[in-house]
Amino acid sequence: MIDKFGRKVDYLRISVTENCNLKCIYCIDDNILNTYKNDILSDDEIVKIATECASLGIKKIRITGGEPLVRKNIENL
């Protein structure tokens, strides 16, 4: 894929959760840590997006979030 500035885009960044258990002082306010939301993407939605992007030339997917390892069933992704 090429962005509007003519740069090649070959990676995708997907945030799989907003939750985090690390409490880094520079990152986030304690008052909003672990505010579980129901509007995160399902595993199936993430796989569908990743598959579609791969067909457009994406070579690498970076899984991010708050702390991705606190997402239930992260190993399934």
PDB file of N, CA and C in Angstrom:
ATOM      1  N   MET A   1       0.851  -1.180   0.000  1.00  0.00           N
ATOM      2  CA  MET A   1       0.000   0.000   0.000  1.00  0.00           C
ATOM      3  C   MET A   1       0.891   1.236   0.000  1.00  0.00           C
ATOM      4  N   ILE A   2       0.374   2.296  -0.563  1.00  0.00           N
ATOM      5  CA  ILE A   2       1.062   3.578  -0.589  1.00  0.00           C
ATOM      6  C   ILE A   2       0.154   4.610   0.076  1.00  0.00           C
ATOM      7  N   ASP A   3       0.704   5.394   1.017  1.00  0.00           N
ATOM      8  CA  ASP A   3      -0.117   6.419   1.663  1.00  0.00           C
ATOM      9  C   ASP A   3      -0.206   7.663   0.784  1.00  0.00           C
ATOM     10  N   LYS A   4      -0.940   8.659   1.238  1.00  0.00           N
ATOM     11  CA  LYS A   4      -1.180   9.847   0.415  1.00  0.00           C
ATOM     12  C   LYS A   4       0.076  10.684   0.198  1.00  0.00           C
ATOM     13  N   PHE A   5       1.147  10.368   0.931  1.00  0.00           N
ATOM     14  CA  PHE A   5       2.414  11.081   0.761  1.00  0.00           C
ATOM     15  C   PHE A   5       3.399  10.280  -0.093  1.00  0.00           C
ATOM     16  N   GLY A   6       2.926   9.168  -0.650  1.00  0.00           N
ATOM     17  CA  GLY A   6       3.762   8.353  -1.514  1.00  0.00           C
ATOM     18  C   GLY A   6       4.671   7.373  -0.787  1.00  0.00           C
ATOM     19  N   ARG A   7       4.462   7.210   0.526  1.00  0.00           N
ATOM     20  CA  ARG A   7       5.296   6.294   1.302  1.00  0.00           C
ATOM     21  C   ARG A   7       4.705   4.889   1.272  1.00  0.00           C
ATOM     22  N   LYS A   8       5.581   3.897   1.183  1.00  0.00           N
ATOM     23  CA  LYS A   8       5.142   2.509   1.211  1.00  0.00           C
ATOM     24  C   LYS A   8       4.718   2.140   2.631  1.00  0.00           C
ATOM     25  N   VAL A   9       3.544   1.579   2.767  1.00  0.00           N
ATOM     26  CA  VAL A   9       3.039   1.117   4.062  1.00  0.00           C
ATOM     27  C   VAL A   9       3.008  -0.403   4.005  1.00  0.00           C
ATOM     28  N   ASP A  10       3.847  -1.052   4.830  1.00  0.00           N
ATOM     29  CA  ASP A  10       3.888  -2.511   4.805  1.00  0.00           C
ATOM     30  C   ASP A  10       3.687  -3.134   6.186  1.00  0.00           C
ATOM     31  N   TYR A  11       3.211  -2.324   7.141  1.00  0.00           N
ATOM     32  CA  TYR A  11       2.922  -2.885   8.455  1.00  0.00           C
ATOM     33  C   TYR A  11       1.604  -2.327   8.983  1.00  0.00           C
ATOM     34  N   LEU A  12       1.009  -3.074   9.893  1.00  0.00           N
ATOM     35  CA  LEU A  12      -0.262  -2.715  10.507  1.00  0.00           C
ATOM     36  C   LEU A  12      -0.077  -2.746  12.011  1.00  0.00           C
ATOM     37  N   ARG A  13      -0.606  -1.760  12.673  1.00  0.00           N
ATOM     38  CA  ARG A  13      -0.574  -1.726  14.137  1.00  0.00           C
ATOM     39  C   ARG A  13      -2.006  -1.890  14.630  1.00  0.00           C
ATOM     40  N   ILE A  14      -2.248  -2.921  15.431  1.00  0.00           N
ATOM     41  CA  ILE A  14      -3.580  -3.187  15.973  1.00  0.00           C
ATOM     42  C   ILE A  14      -3.511  -3.143  17.492  1.00  0.00           C
ATOM     43  N   SER A  15      -4.318  -2.276  18.084  1.00  0.00           N
ATOM     44  CA  SER A  15      -4.425  -2.205  19.533  1.00  0.00           C
ATOM     45  C   SER A  15      -5.511  -3.187  19.965  1.00  0.00           C
ATOM     46  N   VAL A  16      -5.130  -4.208  20.723  1.00  0.00           N
ATOM     47  CA  VAL A  16      -6.066  -5.273  21.073  1.00  0.00           C
ATOM     48  C   VAL A  16      -6.731  -5.087  22.431  1.00  0.00           C
ATOM     49  N   THR A  17      -6.278  -4.111  23.205  1.00  0.00           N
ATOM     50  CA  THR A  17      -6.892  -3.813  24.498  1.00  0.00           C
ATOM     51  C   THR A  17      -6.436  -2.435  24.963  1.00  0.00           C
ATOM     52  N   GLU A  18      -7.228  -1.843  25.818  1.00  0.00           N
ATOM     53  CA  GLU A  18      -6.820  -0.599  26.465  1.00  0.00           C
ATOM     54  C   GLU A  18      -6.341  -0.868  27.886  1.00  0.00           C
ATOM     55  N   ASN A  19      -6.479  -2.102  28.337  1.00  0.00           N
ATOM     56  CA  ASN A  19      -6.143  -2.464  29.712  1.00  0.00           C
ATOM     57  C   ASN A  19      -4.651  -2.691  29.886  1.00  0.00           C
ATOM     58  N   CYS A  20      -4.174  -2.388  31.091  1.00  0.00           N
ATOM     59  CA  CYS A  20      -2.756  -2.544  31.392  1.00  0.00           C
ATOM     60  C   CYS A  20      -2.594  -2.772  32.895  1.00  0.00           C
ATOM     61  N   ASN A  21      -1.648  -3.621  33.227  1.00  0.00           N
ATOM     62  CA  ASN A  21      -1.371  -3.885  34.640  1.00  0.00           C
ATOM     63  C   ASN A  21       0.010  -3.386  35.066  1.00  0.00           C
ATOM     64  N   LEU A  22       0.652  -2.579  34.247  1.00  0.00           N
ATOM     65  CA  LEU A  22       2.019  -2.154  34.532  1.00  0.00           C
ATOM     66  C   LEU A  22       2.113  -0.864  35.333  1.00  0.00           C
ATOM     67  N   LYS A  23       1.138   0.013  35.227  1.00  0.00           N
ATOM     68  CA  LYS A  23       1.072   1.272  35.978  1.00  0.00           C
ATOM     69  C   LYS A  23       2.292   2.172  35.776  1.00  0.00           C
ATOM     70  N   CYS A  24       2.729   2.292  34.556  1.00  0.00           N
ATOM     71  CA  CYS A  24       3.852   3.189  34.244  1.00  0.00           C
ATOM     72  C   CYS A  24       3.412   4.630  34.490  1.00  0.00           C
ATOM     73  N   ILE A  25       4.215   5.401  35.206  1.00  0.00           N
ATOM     74  CA  ILE A  25       3.812   6.758  35.582  1.00  0.00           C
ATOM     75  C   ILE A  25       3.708   7.689  34.387  1.00  0.00           C
ATOM     76  N   TYR A  26       4.431   7.416  33.332  1.00  0.00           N
ATOM     77  CA  TYR A  26       4.407   8.295  32.164  1.00  0.00           C
ATOM     78  C   TYR A  26       3.285   7.956  31.194  1.00  0.00           C
ATOM     79  N   CYS A  27       2.606   6.858  31.414  1.00  0.00           N
ATOM     80  CA  CYS A  27       1.698   6.349  30.399  1.00  0.00           C
ATOM     81  C   CYS A  27       0.238   6.725  30.610  1.00  0.00           C
ATOM     82  N   ILE A  28      -0.295   6.445  31.787  1.00  0.00           N
ATOM     83  CA  ILE A  28      -1.743   6.549  31.946  1.00  0.00           C
ATOM     84  C   ILE A  28      -2.102   6.839  33.401  1.00  0.00           C
ATOM     85  N   ASP A  29      -3.197   7.512  33.585  1.00  0.00           N
ATOM     86  CA  ASP A  29      -3.713   7.848  34.907  1.00  0.00           C
ATOM     87  C   ASP A  29      -4.317   6.605  35.567  1.00  0.00           C
ATOM     88  N   ASP A  30      -3.991   6.370  36.848  1.00  0.00           N
ATOM     89  CA  ASP A  30      -4.539   5.222  37.577  1.00  0.00           C
ATOM     90  C   ASP A  30      -6.059   5.170  37.549  1.00  0.00           C
ATOM     91  N   ASN A  31      -6.716   6.308  37.435  1.00  0.00           N
ATOM     92  CA  ASN A  31      -8.176   6.338  37.466  1.00  0.00           C
ATOM     93  C   ASN A  31      -8.820   5.697  36.248  1.00  0.00           C
ATOM     94  N   ILE A  32      -8.064   5.532  35.175  1.00  0.00           N
ATOM     95  CA  ILE A  32      -8.668   4.926  33.992  1.00  0.00           C
ATOM     96  C   ILE A  32      -8.035   3.593  33.624  1.00  0.00           C
ATOM     97  N   LEU A  33      -7.185   3.060  34.495  1.00  0.00           N
ATOM     98  CA  LEU A  33      -6.628   1.739  34.258  1.00  0.00           C
ATOM     99  C   LEU A  33      -7.723   0.688  34.345  1.00  0.00           C
ATOM    100  N   ASN A  34      -7.624  -0.291  33.496  1.00  0.00           N
ATOM    101  CA  ASN A  34      -8.523  -1.444  33.528  1.00  0.00           C
ATOM    102  C   ASN A  34      -9.998  -1.064  33.506  1.00  0.00           C
ATOM    103  N   THR A  35     -10.330  -0.101  32.682  1.00  0.00           N
ATOM    104  CA  THR A  35     -11.733   0.239  32.464  1.00  0.00           C
ATOM    105  C   THR A  35     -12.221  -0.626  31.313  1.00  0.00           C
ATOM    106  N   TYR A  36     -12.611  -1.825  31.638  1.00  0.00           N
ATOM    107  CA  TYR A  36     -12.978  -2.803  30.621  1.00  0.00           C
ATOM    108  C   TYR A  36     -14.138  -2.294  29.785  1.00  0.00           C
ATOM    109  N   LYS A  37     -13.937  -2.356  28.487  1.00  0.00           N
ATOM    110  CA  LYS A  37     -14.950  -1.873  27.558  1.00  0.00           C
ATOM    111  C   LYS A  37     -15.401  -3.021  26.676  1.00  0.00           C
ATOM    112  N   ASN A  38     -16.602  -2.928  26.199  1.00  0.00           N
ATOM    113  CA  ASN A  38     -17.135  -3.950  25.311  1.00  0.00           C
ATOM    114  C   ASN A  38     -16.961  -3.592  23.848  1.00  0.00           C
ATOM    115  N   ASP A  39     -16.321  -2.455  23.569  1.00  0.00           N
ATOM    116  CA  ASP A  39     -16.216  -2.027  22.180  1.00  0.00           C
ATOM    117  C   ASP A  39     -14.871  -2.372  21.544  1.00  0.00           C
ATOM    118  N   ILE A  40     -14.124  -3.309  22.139  1.00  0.00           N
ATOM    119  CA  ILE A  40     -12.877  -3.733  21.516  1.00  0.00           C
ATOM    120  C   ILE A  40     -13.196  -4.739  20.415  1.00  0.00           C
ATOM    121  N   LEU A  41     -12.280  -4.878  19.491  1.00  0.00           N
ATOM    122  CA  LEU A  41     -12.479  -5.818  18.396  1.00  0.00           C
ATOM    123  C   LEU A  41     -12.432  -7.250  18.907  1.00  0.00           C
ATOM    124  N   SER A  42     -13.270  -8.096  18.323  1.00  0.00           N
ATOM    125  CA  SER A  42     -13.236  -9.516  18.662  1.00  0.00           C
ATOM    126  C   SER A  42     -12.030 -10.154  17.966  1.00  0.00           C
ATOM    127  N   ASP A  43     -11.672 -11.370  18.395  1.00  0.00           N
ATOM    128  CA  ASP A  43     -10.584 -12.091  17.737  1.00  0.00           C
ATOM    129  C   ASP A  43     -10.881 -12.257  16.251  1.00  0.00           C
ATOM    130  N   ASP A  44     -12.117 -12.617  15.926  1.00  0.00           N
ATOM    131  CA  ASP A  44     -12.500 -12.809  14.521  1.00  0.00           C
ATOM    132  C   ASP A  44     -12.365 -11.522  13.715  1.00  0.00           C
ATOM    133  N   GLU A  45     -12.749 -10.395  14.311  1.00  0.00           N
ATOM    134  CA  GLU A  45     -12.623  -9.106  13.612  1.00  0.00           C
ATOM    135  C   GLU A  45     -11.160  -8.756  13.361  1.00  0.00           C
ATOM    136  N   ILE A  46     -10.306  -9.014  14.341  1.00  0.00           N
ATOM    137  CA  ILE A  46      -8.877  -8.735  14.181  1.00  0.00           C
ATOM    138  C   ILE A  46      -8.289  -9.600  13.074  1.00  0.00           C
ATOM    139  N   VAL A  47      -8.637 -10.876  13.067  1.00  0.00           N
ATOM    140  CA  VAL A  47      -8.136 -11.781  12.025  1.00  0.00           C
ATOM    141  C   VAL A  47      -8.630 -11.337  10.651  1.00  0.00           C
ATOM    142  N   LYS A  48      -9.882 -10.931  10.556  1.00  0.00           N
ATOM    143  CA  LYS A  48     -10.434 -10.477   9.271  1.00  0.00           C
ATOM    144  C   LYS A  48      -9.691  -9.233   8.776  1.00  0.00           C
ATOM    145  N   ILE A  49      -9.469  -8.272   9.658  1.00  0.00           N
ATOM    146  CA  ILE A  49      -8.743  -7.050   9.284  1.00  0.00           C
ATOM    147  C   ILE A  49      -7.323  -7.397   8.848  1.00  0.00           C
ATOM    148  N   ALA A  50      -6.643  -8.238   9.617  1.00  0.00           N
ATOM    149  CA  ALA A  50      -5.268  -8.614   9.289  1.00  0.00           C
ATOM    150  C   ALA A  50      -5.201  -9.334   7.945  1.00  0.00           C
ATOM    151  N   THR A  51      -6.148 -10.208   7.688  1.00  0.00           N
ATOM    152  CA  THR A  51      -6.187 -10.939   6.421  1.00  0.00           C
ATOM    153  C   THR A  51      -6.403 -10.000   5.243  1.00  0.00           C
ATOM    154  N   GLU A  52      -7.341  -9.078   5.392  1.00  0.00           N
ATOM    155  CA  GLU A  52      -7.599  -8.104   4.323  1.00  0.00           C
ATOM    156  C   GLU A  52      -6.374  -7.234   4.068  1.00  0.00           C
ATOM    157  N   CYS A  53      -5.733  -6.789   5.137  1.00  0.00           N
ATOM    158  CA  CYS A  53      -4.549  -5.940   4.985  1.00  0.00           C
ATOM    159  C   CYS A  53      -3.402  -6.709   4.341  1.00  0.00           C
ATOM    160  N   ALA A  54      -3.262  -7.989   4.677  1.00  0.00           N
ATOM    161  CA  ALA A  54      -2.221  -8.808   4.051  1.00  0.00           C
ATOM    162  C   ALA A  54      -2.438  -8.886   2.545  1.00  0.00           C
ATOM    163  N   SER A  55      -3.690  -8.953   2.130  1.00  0.00           N
ATOM    164  CA  SER A  55      -3.972  -9.000   0.689  1.00  0.00           C
ATOM    165  C   SER A  55      -3.640  -7.679  -0.001  1.00  0.00           C
ATOM    166  N   LEU A  56      -3.500  -6.610   0.786  1.00  0.00           N
ATOM    167  CA  LEU A  56      -3.138  -5.295   0.246  1.00  0.00           C
ATOM    168  C   LEU A  56      -1.636  -5.013   0.352  1.00  0.00           C
ATOM    169  N   GLY A  57      -0.873  -6.002   0.823  1.00  0.00           N
ATOM    170  CA  GLY A  57       0.575  -5.844   0.869  1.00  0.00           C
ATOM    171  C   GLY A  57       1.189  -5.674   2.241  1.00  0.00           C
ATOM    172  N   ILE A  58       0.387  -5.779   3.283  1.00  0.00           N
ATOM    173  CA  ILE A  58       0.931  -5.679   4.641  1.00  0.00           C
ATOM    174  C   ILE A  58       1.789  -6.912   4.918  1.00  0.00           C
ATOM    175  N   LYS A  59       3.011  -6.674   5.394  1.00  0.00           N
ATOM    176  CA  LYS A  59       3.960  -7.762   5.650  1.00  0.00           C
ATOM    177  C   LYS A  59       4.137  -8.061   7.134  1.00  0.00           C
ATOM    178  N   LYS A  60       3.814  -7.088   7.980  1.00  0.00           N
ATOM    179  CA  LYS A  60       4.087  -7.217   9.413  1.00  0.00           C
ATOM    180  C   LYS A  60       2.920  -6.620  10.194  1.00  0.00           C
ATOM    181  N   ILE A  61       2.565  -7.277  11.297  1.00  0.00           N
ATOM    182  CA  ILE A  61       1.512  -6.764  12.175  1.00  0.00           C
ATOM    183  C   ILE A  61       2.099  -6.577  13.563  1.00  0.00           C
ATOM    184  N   ARG A  62       1.931  -5.383  14.093  1.00  0.00           N
ATOM    185  CA  ARG A  62       2.406  -5.060  15.440  1.00  0.00           C
ATOM    186  C   ARG A  62       1.186  -5.055  16.361  1.00  0.00           C
ATOM    187  N   ILE A  63       1.188  -5.931  17.348  1.00  0.00           N
ATOM    188  CA  ILE A  63       0.080  -6.007  18.302  1.00  0.00           C
ATOM    189  C   ILE A  63       0.422  -5.117  19.488  1.00  0.00           C
ATOM    190  N   THR A  64      -0.444  -4.137  19.728  1.00  0.00           N
ATOM    191  CA  THR A  64      -0.218  -3.180  20.804  1.00  0.00           C
ATOM    192  C   THR A  64      -1.457  -3.112  21.675  1.00  0.00           C
ATOM    193  N   GLY A  65      -1.476  -2.156  22.545  1.00  0.00           N
ATOM    194  CA  GLY A  65      -2.647  -1.936  23.372  1.00  0.00           C
ATOM    195  C   GLY A  65      -2.282  -1.002  24.502  1.00  0.00           C
ATOM    196  N   GLY A  66      -2.931  -1.341  25.566  1.00  0.00           N
ATOM    197  CA  GLY A  66      -2.409  -0.997  26.860  1.00  0.00           C
ATOM    198  C   GLY A  66      -1.271  -1.995  27.016  1.00  0.00           C
ATOM    199  N   GLU A  67      -1.563  -3.149  27.581  1.00  0.00           N
ATOM    200  CA  GLU A  67      -0.629  -4.282  27.635  1.00  0.00           C
ATOM    201  C   GLU A  67      -1.326  -5.460  26.965  1.00  0.00           C
ATOM    202  N   PRO A  68      -0.935  -5.813  25.740  1.00  0.00           N
ATOM    203  CA  PRO A  68      -1.634  -6.850  24.981  1.00  0.00           C
ATOM    204  C   PRO A  68      -1.750  -8.190  25.700  1.00  0.00           C
ATOM    205  N   LEU A  69      -0.792  -8.517  26.560  1.00  0.00           N
ATOM    206  CA  LEU A  69      -0.825  -9.821  27.216  1.00  0.00           C
ATOM    207  C   LEU A  69      -1.909  -9.950  28.276  1.00  0.00           C
ATOM    208  N   VAL A  70      -2.599  -8.863  28.629  1.00  0.00           N
ATOM    209  CA  VAL A  70      -3.712  -8.990  29.576  1.00  0.00           C
ATOM    210  C   VAL A  70      -5.027  -9.298  28.856  1.00  0.00           C
ATOM    211  N   ARG A  71      -5.026  -9.285  27.536  1.00  0.00           N
ATOM    212  CA  ARG A  71      -6.241  -9.631  26.789  1.00  0.00           C
ATOM    213  C   ARG A  71      -6.488 -11.131  26.925  1.00  0.00           C
ATOM    214  N   LYS A  72      -7.738 -11.483  27.197  1.00  0.00           N
ATOM    215  CA  LYS A  72      -8.094 -12.893  27.288  1.00  0.00           C
ATOM    216  C   LYS A  72      -7.825 -13.568  25.952  1.00  0.00           C
ATOM    217  N   ASN A  73      -7.281 -14.749  26.009  1.00  0.00           N
ATOM    218  CA  ASN A  73      -7.018 -15.576  24.831  1.00  0.00           C
ATOM    219  C   ASN A  73      -6.097 -14.918  23.812  1.00  0.00           C
ATOM    220  N   ILE A  74      -5.184 -14.063  24.257  1.00  0.00           N
ATOM    221  CA  ILE A  74      -4.266 -13.390  23.325  1.00  0.00           C
ATOM    222  C   ILE A  74      -3.472 -14.409  22.514  1.00  0.00           C
ATOM    223  N   GLU A  75      -3.199 -15.560  23.107  1.00  0.00           N
ATOM    224  CA  GLU A  75      -2.417 -16.578  22.400  1.00  0.00           C
ATOM    225  C   GLU A  75      -3.137 -17.095  21.156  1.00  0.00           C
ATOM    226  N   ASN A  76      -4.454 -16.944  21.096  1.00  0.00           N
ATOM    227  CA  ASN A  76      -5.204 -17.377  19.913  1.00  0.00           C
ATOM    228  C   ASN A  76      -4.961 -16.483  18.707  1.00  0.00           C
ATOM    229  N   LEU A  77      -4.592 -15.243  18.960  1.00  0.00           N
ATOM    230  CA  LEU A  77      -4.338 -14.338  17.841  1.00  0.00           C
ATOM    231  C   LEU A  77      -3.024 -14.688  17.171  1.00  0.00           C
TER     232      LEU A  77
END
